[in-house]
Amino acid sequence: MSALEAALALLVPGGTPVVEVRGSRRGSAAAIAGVSSAKRLVLLDGRRLSARRLTRLARDAGLVVDRELVVLPGLRTAAFVVEDSVESLTWFWNAFATVPPGRSRGSLLITATTCLGRNRHLVRWVGPLVAGRMVIVHRP
C-alpha cells in the first residue's frame, strides 16, 4: 500500500471517488461532473503549481474545499502526505529533512538546503511548488 492509498484510507470513507486532474480544465471539469452523485470527492494533481488549479477547479464545479494536502516527493512516488499548512510542513521538514547517512558527496549542499528549509517563510512555498497535491472536497 502506498502512502497515498494509506492516507486516503484514513482521510475519506471507503468508496469515495478519486479524480486525477490531467490535461485541460474542461476535461477535468467533465471528469468531476461524471461523479455527480458523490457527496465527497478527492481531487489529485501531479503537476507543479497545482494548488491554485485544484482550488479554482473545485470552486468552478461548486465544491467546497475541506482539506488541502501535499504529496511528497510527488504523486507517482508518494512517501508522505502532509497537510498544506506552514505548521505541518515546518514540522515535517524539521523531522524528516536530513542528510542521508553515509553520504559525503554533495552533503554540504544538502545540509545547506535542509537548514534553509527550516525557515518558516521559505517553507510556506513548498506546498505550492511540490508536484503532488490532494484536495478533499464536498458538495454543499
N, C-alpha and C. Protein backbone atom coordinates (compact mmCIF):
# COMPACT_ATOMS: atom_id res chain seq x y z
N MET A 1 0.85 -1.18 0.00
CA MET A 1 0.00 0.00 0.00
C MET A 1 0.90 1.24 0.00
N SER A 2 0.66 2.14 -0.92
CA SER A 2 1.45 3.37 -0.99
C SER A 2 1.01 4.35 0.09
N ALA A 3 1.82 5.38 0.30
CA ALA A 3 1.47 6.41 1.28
C ALA A 3 0.18 7.12 0.87
N LEU A 4 -0.01 7.27 -0.42
CA LEU A 4 -1.21 7.93 -0.92
C LEU A 4 -2.46 7.09 -0.61
N GLU A 5 -2.38 5.79 -0.87
CA GLU A 5 -3.51 4.91 -0.56
C GLU A 5 -3.79 4.86 0.93
N ALA A 6 -2.73 4.82 1.74
CA ALA A 6 -2.89 4.80 3.20
C ALA A 6 -3.55 6.09 3.68
N ALA A 7 -3.12 7.22 3.12
CA ALA A 7 -3.72 8.50 3.51
C ALA A 7 -5.18 8.55 3.13
N LEU A 8 -5.51 8.07 1.93
CA LEU A 8 -6.91 8.05 1.51
C LEU A 8 -7.75 7.19 2.44
N ALA A 9 -7.21 6.04 2.84
CA ALA A 9 -7.94 5.15 3.74
C ALA A 9 -8.23 5.81 5.08
N LEU A 10 -7.33 6.68 5.53
CA LEU A 10 -7.52 7.37 6.81
C LEU A 10 -8.38 8.62 6.71
N LEU A 11 -8.30 9.30 5.58
CA LEU A 11 -8.92 10.63 5.48
C LEU A 11 -10.34 10.65 4.93
N VAL A 12 -10.69 9.67 4.10
CA VAL A 12 -12.02 9.67 3.49
C VAL A 12 -12.64 8.28 3.62
N PRO A 13 -13.97 8.21 3.65
CA PRO A 13 -14.62 6.90 3.72
C PRO A 13 -14.30 6.05 2.48
N GLY A 14 -14.29 4.74 2.66
CA GLY A 14 -14.06 3.84 1.54
C GLY A 14 -15.07 4.08 0.43
N GLY A 15 -14.63 3.97 -0.80
CA GLY A 15 -15.52 4.17 -1.93
C GLY A 15 -15.66 5.62 -2.37
N THR A 16 -14.96 6.54 -1.69
CA THR A 16 -15.01 7.94 -2.11
C THR A 16 -14.32 8.07 -3.46
N PRO A 17 -15.00 8.68 -4.44
CA PRO A 17 -14.39 8.80 -5.77
C PRO A 17 -13.13 9.66 -5.74
N VAL A 18 -12.12 9.20 -6.48
CA VAL A 18 -10.86 9.93 -6.62
C VAL A 18 -10.74 10.34 -8.08
N VAL A 19 -10.59 11.64 -8.31
CA VAL A 19 -10.46 12.16 -9.68
C VAL A 19 -9.06 12.72 -9.84
N GLU A 20 -8.30 12.13 -10.76
CA GLU A 20 -6.97 12.66 -11.04
C GLU A 20 -7.11 13.70 -12.15
N VAL A 21 -6.72 14.90 -11.82
CA VAL A 21 -6.86 16.03 -12.74
C VAL A 21 -5.69 16.01 -13.71
N ARG A 22 -6.01 15.93 -14.98
CA ARG A 22 -4.99 15.92 -16.04
C ARG A 22 -5.49 16.77 -17.19
N GLY A 23 -4.55 17.24 -17.97
CA GLY A 23 -4.93 17.92 -19.20
C GLY A 23 -5.66 19.23 -18.97
N SER A 24 -6.68 19.43 -19.79
CA SER A 24 -7.37 20.71 -19.81
C SER A 24 -8.33 20.89 -18.65
N ARG A 25 -8.69 22.12 -18.43
CA ARG A 25 -9.67 22.45 -17.39
C ARG A 25 -11.04 21.87 -17.73
N ARG A 26 -11.39 21.93 -19.01
CA ARG A 26 -12.68 21.42 -19.45
C ARG A 26 -12.77 19.90 -19.24
N GLY A 27 -11.69 19.18 -19.56
CA GLY A 27 -11.68 17.73 -19.37
C GLY A 27 -11.77 17.35 -17.90
N SER A 28 -11.10 18.11 -17.05
CA SER A 28 -11.15 17.86 -15.61
C SER A 28 -12.53 18.15 -15.05
N ALA A 29 -13.14 19.22 -15.52
CA ALA A 29 -14.49 19.56 -15.07
C ALA A 29 -15.48 18.48 -15.48
N ALA A 30 -15.29 17.91 -16.66
CA ALA A 30 -16.16 16.83 -17.13
C ALA A 30 -15.97 15.58 -16.27
N ALA A 31 -14.74 15.30 -15.86
CA ALA A 31 -14.48 14.14 -15.00
C ALA A 31 -15.16 14.31 -13.64
N ILE A 32 -15.15 15.53 -13.11
CA ILE A 32 -15.81 15.79 -11.83
C ILE A 32 -17.32 15.66 -11.99
N ALA A 33 -17.84 16.18 -13.08
CA ALA A 33 -19.28 16.09 -13.33
C ALA A 33 -19.71 14.63 -13.51
N GLY A 34 -18.79 13.78 -13.96
CA GLY A 34 -19.10 12.36 -14.16
C GLY A 34 -19.37 11.61 -12.86
N VAL A 35 -18.94 12.15 -11.74
CA VAL A 35 -19.21 11.54 -10.43
C VAL A 35 -20.14 12.44 -9.64
N SER A 36 -21.14 12.94 -10.32
CA SER A 36 -22.02 13.95 -9.74
C SER A 36 -22.82 13.47 -8.54
N SER A 37 -23.03 12.17 -8.41
CA SER A 37 -23.84 11.69 -7.30
C SER A 37 -23.06 11.64 -5.98
N ALA A 38 -21.75 11.70 -6.06
CA ALA A 38 -20.93 11.60 -4.86
C ALA A 38 -21.01 12.89 -4.04
N LYS A 39 -21.15 12.73 -2.74
CA LYS A 39 -21.21 13.87 -1.83
C LYS A 39 -19.80 14.41 -1.53
N ARG A 40 -18.83 13.50 -1.48
CA ARG A 40 -17.44 13.87 -1.18
C ARG A 40 -16.55 13.34 -2.30
N LEU A 41 -15.54 14.11 -2.67
CA LEU A 41 -14.60 13.73 -3.72
C LEU A 41 -13.17 14.01 -3.28
N VAL A 42 -12.24 13.33 -3.91
CA VAL A 42 -10.82 13.63 -3.73
C VAL A 42 -10.27 14.00 -5.09
N LEU A 43 -9.64 15.16 -5.17
CA LEU A 43 -9.01 15.61 -6.41
C LEU A 43 -7.51 15.49 -6.25
N LEU A 44 -6.85 14.89 -7.25
CA LEU A 44 -5.41 14.72 -7.24
C LEU A 44 -4.80 15.42 -8.45
N ASP A 45 -3.64 15.99 -8.26
CA ASP A 45 -2.92 16.60 -9.37
C ASP A 45 -1.44 16.36 -9.15
N GLY A 46 -0.76 15.84 -10.15
CA GLY A 46 0.66 15.53 -10.05
C GLY A 46 1.55 16.55 -10.71
N ARG A 47 1.01 17.70 -11.07
CA ARG A 47 1.81 18.74 -11.73
C ARG A 47 2.20 19.82 -10.73
N ARG A 48 3.31 20.47 -11.03
CA ARG A 48 3.75 21.59 -10.18
C ARG A 48 2.73 22.73 -10.26
N LEU A 49 2.72 23.54 -9.22
CA LEU A 49 1.83 24.70 -9.12
C LEU A 49 0.36 24.31 -9.24
N SER A 50 0.02 23.18 -8.67
CA SER A 50 -1.35 22.67 -8.80
C SER A 50 -2.30 23.19 -7.72
N ALA A 51 -1.80 23.88 -6.72
CA ALA A 51 -2.65 24.35 -5.62
C ALA A 51 -3.77 25.25 -6.15
N ARG A 52 -3.40 26.25 -6.91
CA ARG A 52 -4.39 27.17 -7.45
C ARG A 52 -5.32 26.47 -8.44
N ARG A 53 -4.74 25.61 -9.27
CA ARG A 53 -5.50 24.92 -10.29
C ARG A 53 -6.62 24.08 -9.66
N LEU A 54 -6.30 23.34 -8.60
CA LEU A 54 -7.31 22.48 -7.96
C LEU A 54 -8.37 23.28 -7.22
N THR A 55 -7.97 24.33 -6.51
CA THR A 55 -8.97 25.11 -5.79
C THR A 55 -9.89 25.85 -6.76
N ARG A 56 -9.35 26.33 -7.87
CA ARG A 56 -10.17 27.00 -8.88
C ARG A 56 -11.13 26.01 -9.53
N LEU A 57 -10.63 24.82 -9.81
CA LEU A 57 -11.47 23.78 -10.41
C LEU A 57 -12.61 23.40 -9.46
N ALA A 58 -12.30 23.25 -8.18
CA ALA A 58 -13.33 22.92 -7.19
C ALA A 58 -14.36 24.04 -7.09
N ARG A 59 -13.90 25.27 -7.04
CA ARG A 59 -14.82 26.41 -6.96
C ARG A 59 -15.72 26.48 -8.18
N ASP A 60 -15.15 26.30 -9.37
CA ASP A 60 -15.94 26.35 -10.60
C ASP A 60 -16.97 25.23 -10.67
N ALA A 61 -16.68 24.10 -10.02
CA ALA A 61 -17.61 22.97 -10.02
C ALA A 61 -18.62 23.08 -8.88
N GLY A 62 -18.54 24.14 -8.08
CA GLY A 62 -19.48 24.33 -6.98
C GLY A 62 -19.17 23.46 -5.78
N LEU A 63 -17.90 23.08 -5.62
CA LEU A 63 -17.48 22.23 -4.50
C LEU A 63 -16.82 23.08 -3.41
N VAL A 64 -16.88 22.59 -2.19
CA VAL A 64 -16.27 23.27 -1.05
C VAL A 64 -15.02 22.49 -0.65
N VAL A 65 -13.89 23.17 -0.53
CA VAL A 65 -12.63 22.54 -0.16
C VAL A 65 -12.60 22.30 1.35
N ASP A 66 -12.41 21.04 1.74
CA ASP A 66 -12.29 20.69 3.16
C ASP A 66 -10.83 20.68 3.61
N ARG A 67 -9.98 20.03 2.81
CA ARG A 67 -8.56 19.91 3.17
C ARG A 67 -7.70 19.97 1.93
N GLU A 68 -6.52 20.54 2.10
CA GLU A 68 -5.51 20.54 1.04
C GLU A 68 -4.27 19.87 1.61
N LEU A 69 -3.78 18.87 0.88
CA LEU A 69 -2.61 18.12 1.33
C LEU A 69 -1.56 18.08 0.24
N VAL A 70 -0.30 18.00 0.67
CA VAL A 70 0.83 17.91 -0.24
C VAL A 70 1.31 16.47 -0.22
N VAL A 71 1.55 15.92 -1.41
CA VAL A 71 2.04 14.54 -1.55
C VAL A 71 3.52 14.62 -1.90
N LEU A 72 4.37 14.09 -1.02
CA LEU A 72 5.81 14.19 -1.18
C LEU A 72 6.45 12.84 -1.45
N PRO A 73 7.44 12.73 -2.29
CA PRO A 73 8.01 13.79 -3.10
C PRO A 73 7.18 14.12 -4.34
N GLY A 74 6.22 13.28 -4.69
CA GLY A 74 5.34 13.56 -5.82
C GLY A 74 4.21 12.54 -5.84
N LEU A 75 3.26 12.76 -6.71
CA LEU A 75 2.08 11.90 -6.76
C LEU A 75 2.42 10.47 -7.14
N ARG A 76 3.32 10.27 -8.09
CA ARG A 76 3.67 8.93 -8.56
C ARG A 76 4.59 8.17 -7.59
N THR A 77 5.33 8.92 -6.79
CA THR A 77 6.29 8.29 -5.87
C THR A 77 5.99 8.69 -4.43
N ALA A 78 4.73 8.69 -4.07
CA ALA A 78 4.30 9.18 -2.76
C ALA A 78 4.94 8.40 -1.62
N ALA A 79 5.55 9.13 -0.70
CA ALA A 79 6.07 8.53 0.52
C ALA A 79 5.42 9.18 1.74
N PHE A 80 5.02 10.45 1.60
CA PHE A 80 4.41 11.18 2.71
C PHE A 80 3.25 12.02 2.18
N VAL A 81 2.23 12.18 3.00
CA VAL A 81 1.12 13.07 2.71
C VAL A 81 1.02 14.01 3.91
N VAL A 82 1.18 15.31 3.65
CA VAL A 82 1.27 16.31 4.71
C VAL A 82 0.24 17.41 4.46
N GLU A 83 -0.43 17.84 5.51
CA GLU A 83 -1.36 18.96 5.41
C GLU A 83 -0.62 20.18 4.88
N ASP A 84 -1.23 20.89 3.94
CA ASP A 84 -0.58 22.07 3.35
C ASP A 84 -0.82 23.28 4.25
N SER A 85 -0.07 23.32 5.33
CA SER A 85 -0.07 24.47 6.23
C SER A 85 1.37 24.68 6.68
N VAL A 86 1.70 25.91 7.02
CA VAL A 86 3.07 26.22 7.43
C VAL A 86 3.48 25.38 8.62
N GLU A 87 2.59 25.20 9.59
CA GLU A 87 2.93 24.45 10.80
C GLU A 87 3.24 22.99 10.47
N SER A 88 2.39 22.35 9.68
CA SER A 88 2.59 20.94 9.34
C SER A 88 3.84 20.74 8.49
N LEU A 89 4.04 21.60 7.52
CA LEU A 89 5.22 21.47 6.66
C LEU A 89 6.50 21.77 7.42
N THR A 90 6.46 22.72 8.35
CA THR A 90 7.64 23.01 9.16
C THR A 90 7.98 21.81 10.03
N TRP A 91 6.97 21.22 10.66
CA TRP A 91 7.21 20.01 11.47
C TRP A 91 7.80 18.91 10.61
N PHE A 92 7.21 18.68 9.43
CA PHE A 92 7.70 17.64 8.54
C PHE A 92 9.15 17.90 8.15
N TRP A 93 9.44 19.14 7.76
CA TRP A 93 10.79 19.48 7.33
C TRP A 93 11.79 19.25 8.46
N ASN A 94 11.44 19.68 9.68
CA ASN A 94 12.35 19.50 10.81
C ASN A 94 12.52 18.04 11.20
N ALA A 95 11.45 17.24 11.03
CA ALA A 95 11.52 15.84 11.45
C ALA A 95 12.15 14.91 10.41
N PHE A 96 11.99 15.22 9.13
CA PHE A 96 12.40 14.26 8.10
C PHE A 96 13.47 14.73 7.13
N ALA A 97 13.66 16.03 6.96
CA ALA A 97 14.66 16.51 6.01
C ALA A 97 16.04 16.46 6.66
N THR A 98 16.88 15.59 6.16
CA THR A 98 18.21 15.40 6.73
C THR A 98 19.14 14.84 5.66
N VAL A 99 20.42 14.90 5.92
CA VAL A 99 21.40 14.31 5.01
C VAL A 99 21.37 12.80 5.22
N PRO A 100 21.22 12.03 4.14
CA PRO A 100 21.21 10.58 4.29
C PRO A 100 22.51 10.08 4.90
N PRO A 101 22.44 9.06 5.78
CA PRO A 101 23.66 8.54 6.42
C PRO A 101 24.62 7.96 5.38
N GLY A 102 25.91 8.19 5.60
CA GLY A 102 26.93 7.65 4.73
C GLY A 102 27.14 8.45 3.46
N ARG A 103 26.45 9.52 3.30
CA ARG A 103 26.59 10.33 2.08
C ARG A 103 27.62 11.43 2.34
N SER A 104 28.64 11.50 1.50
CA SER A 104 29.63 12.55 1.67
C SER A 104 29.63 13.50 0.48
N ARG A 105 29.36 12.97 -0.69
CA ARG A 105 29.38 13.82 -1.89
C ARG A 105 28.11 14.66 -1.94
N GLY A 106 28.25 15.95 -1.97
CA GLY A 106 27.11 16.84 -2.03
C GLY A 106 26.45 17.08 -0.68
N SER A 107 27.04 16.55 0.39
CA SER A 107 26.39 16.68 1.70
C SER A 107 26.35 18.13 2.17
N LEU A 108 27.33 18.94 1.79
CA LEU A 108 27.32 20.34 2.18
C LEU A 108 26.12 21.06 1.56
N LEU A 109 25.86 20.79 0.30
CA LEU A 109 24.71 21.39 -0.39
C LEU A 109 23.39 20.91 0.24
N ILE A 110 23.31 19.61 0.52
CA ILE A 110 22.10 19.06 1.14
C ILE A 110 21.89 19.65 2.53
N THR A 111 22.97 19.78 3.30
CA THR A 111 22.88 20.36 4.64
C THR A 111 22.41 21.82 4.55
N ALA A 112 22.96 22.57 3.62
CA ALA A 112 22.55 23.97 3.46
C ALA A 112 21.08 24.06 3.07
N THR A 113 20.64 23.18 2.19
CA THR A 113 19.24 23.18 1.76
C THR A 113 18.31 22.85 2.92
N THR A 114 18.67 21.85 3.72
CA THR A 114 17.81 21.50 4.85
C THR A 114 17.78 22.61 5.89
N CYS A 115 18.89 23.30 6.10
CA CYS A 115 18.90 24.43 7.05
C CYS A 115 18.04 25.58 6.54
N LEU A 116 18.16 25.89 5.25
CA LEU A 116 17.33 26.94 4.67
C LEU A 116 15.85 26.57 4.74
N GLY A 117 15.57 25.29 4.55
CA GLY A 117 14.18 24.83 4.56
C GLY A 117 13.52 24.90 5.92
N ARG A 118 14.30 25.11 6.96
CA ARG A 118 13.71 25.22 8.29
C ARG A 118 13.18 26.63 8.57
N ASN A 119 13.39 27.53 7.66
CA ASN A 119 12.88 28.88 7.78
C ASN A 119 11.38 28.88 7.43
N ARG A 120 10.53 29.31 8.33
CA ARG A 120 9.07 29.28 8.13
C ARG A 120 8.62 30.05 6.90
N HIS A 121 9.32 31.13 6.58
CA HIS A 121 8.94 31.93 5.42
C HIS A 121 9.20 31.19 4.12
N LEU A 122 10.23 30.37 4.11
CA LEU A 122 10.53 29.58 2.91
C LEU A 122 9.64 28.33 2.83
N VAL A 123 9.31 27.75 3.98
CA VAL A 123 8.51 26.53 4.00
C VAL A 123 7.12 26.76 3.40
N ARG A 124 6.58 27.95 3.55
CA ARG A 124 5.23 28.17 3.01
C ARG A 124 5.19 28.08 1.50
N TRP A 125 6.34 28.13 0.82
CA TRP A 125 6.38 28.00 -0.64
C TRP A 125 6.54 26.55 -1.08
N VAL A 126 6.82 25.65 -0.14
CA VAL A 126 7.00 24.24 -0.50
C VAL A 126 5.70 23.66 -1.05
N GLY A 127 4.59 23.86 -0.35
CA GLY A 127 3.30 23.30 -0.77
C GLY A 127 2.92 23.64 -2.19
N PRO A 128 2.92 24.92 -2.57
CA PRO A 128 2.54 25.27 -3.95
C PRO A 128 3.51 24.74 -5.01
N LEU A 129 4.78 24.54 -4.65
CA LEU A 129 5.77 24.15 -5.65
C LEU A 129 5.90 22.64 -5.85
N VAL A 130 5.48 21.85 -4.87
CA VAL A 130 5.62 20.40 -4.97
C VAL A 130 4.70 19.84 -6.06
N ALA A 131 5.21 18.84 -6.77
CA ALA A 131 4.42 18.24 -7.86
C ALA A 131 3.57 17.09 -7.34
N GLY A 132 2.68 17.38 -6.45
CA GLY A 132 1.77 16.38 -5.92
C GLY A 132 0.84 17.02 -4.92
N ARG A 133 -0.44 16.96 -5.18
CA ARG A 133 -1.42 17.61 -4.31
C ARG A 133 -2.69 16.80 -4.26
N MET A 134 -3.28 16.75 -3.07
CA MET A 134 -4.57 16.10 -2.86
C MET A 134 -5.49 17.12 -2.21
N VAL A 135 -6.68 17.27 -2.77
CA VAL A 135 -7.67 18.18 -2.22
C VAL A 135 -8.94 17.37 -1.95
N ILE A 136 -9.42 17.44 -0.72
CA ILE A 136 -10.67 16.75 -0.35
C ILE A 136 -11.77 17.79 -0.38
N VAL A 137 -12.81 17.51 -1.13
CA VAL A 137 -13.90 18.47 -1.33
C VAL A 137 -15.26 17.79 -1.05
N HIS A 138 -16.26 18.62 -0.84
CA HIS A 138 -17.63 18.09 -0.71
C HIS A 138 -18.60 19.02 -1.42
N ARG A 139 -19.74 18.46 -1.72
CA ARG A 139 -20.80 19.27 -2.34
C ARG A 139 -21.62 19.93 -1.25
N PRO A 140 -21.95 21.21 -1.39
CA PRO A 140 -22.72 21.90 -0.35
C PRO A 140 -24.15 21.39 -0.27
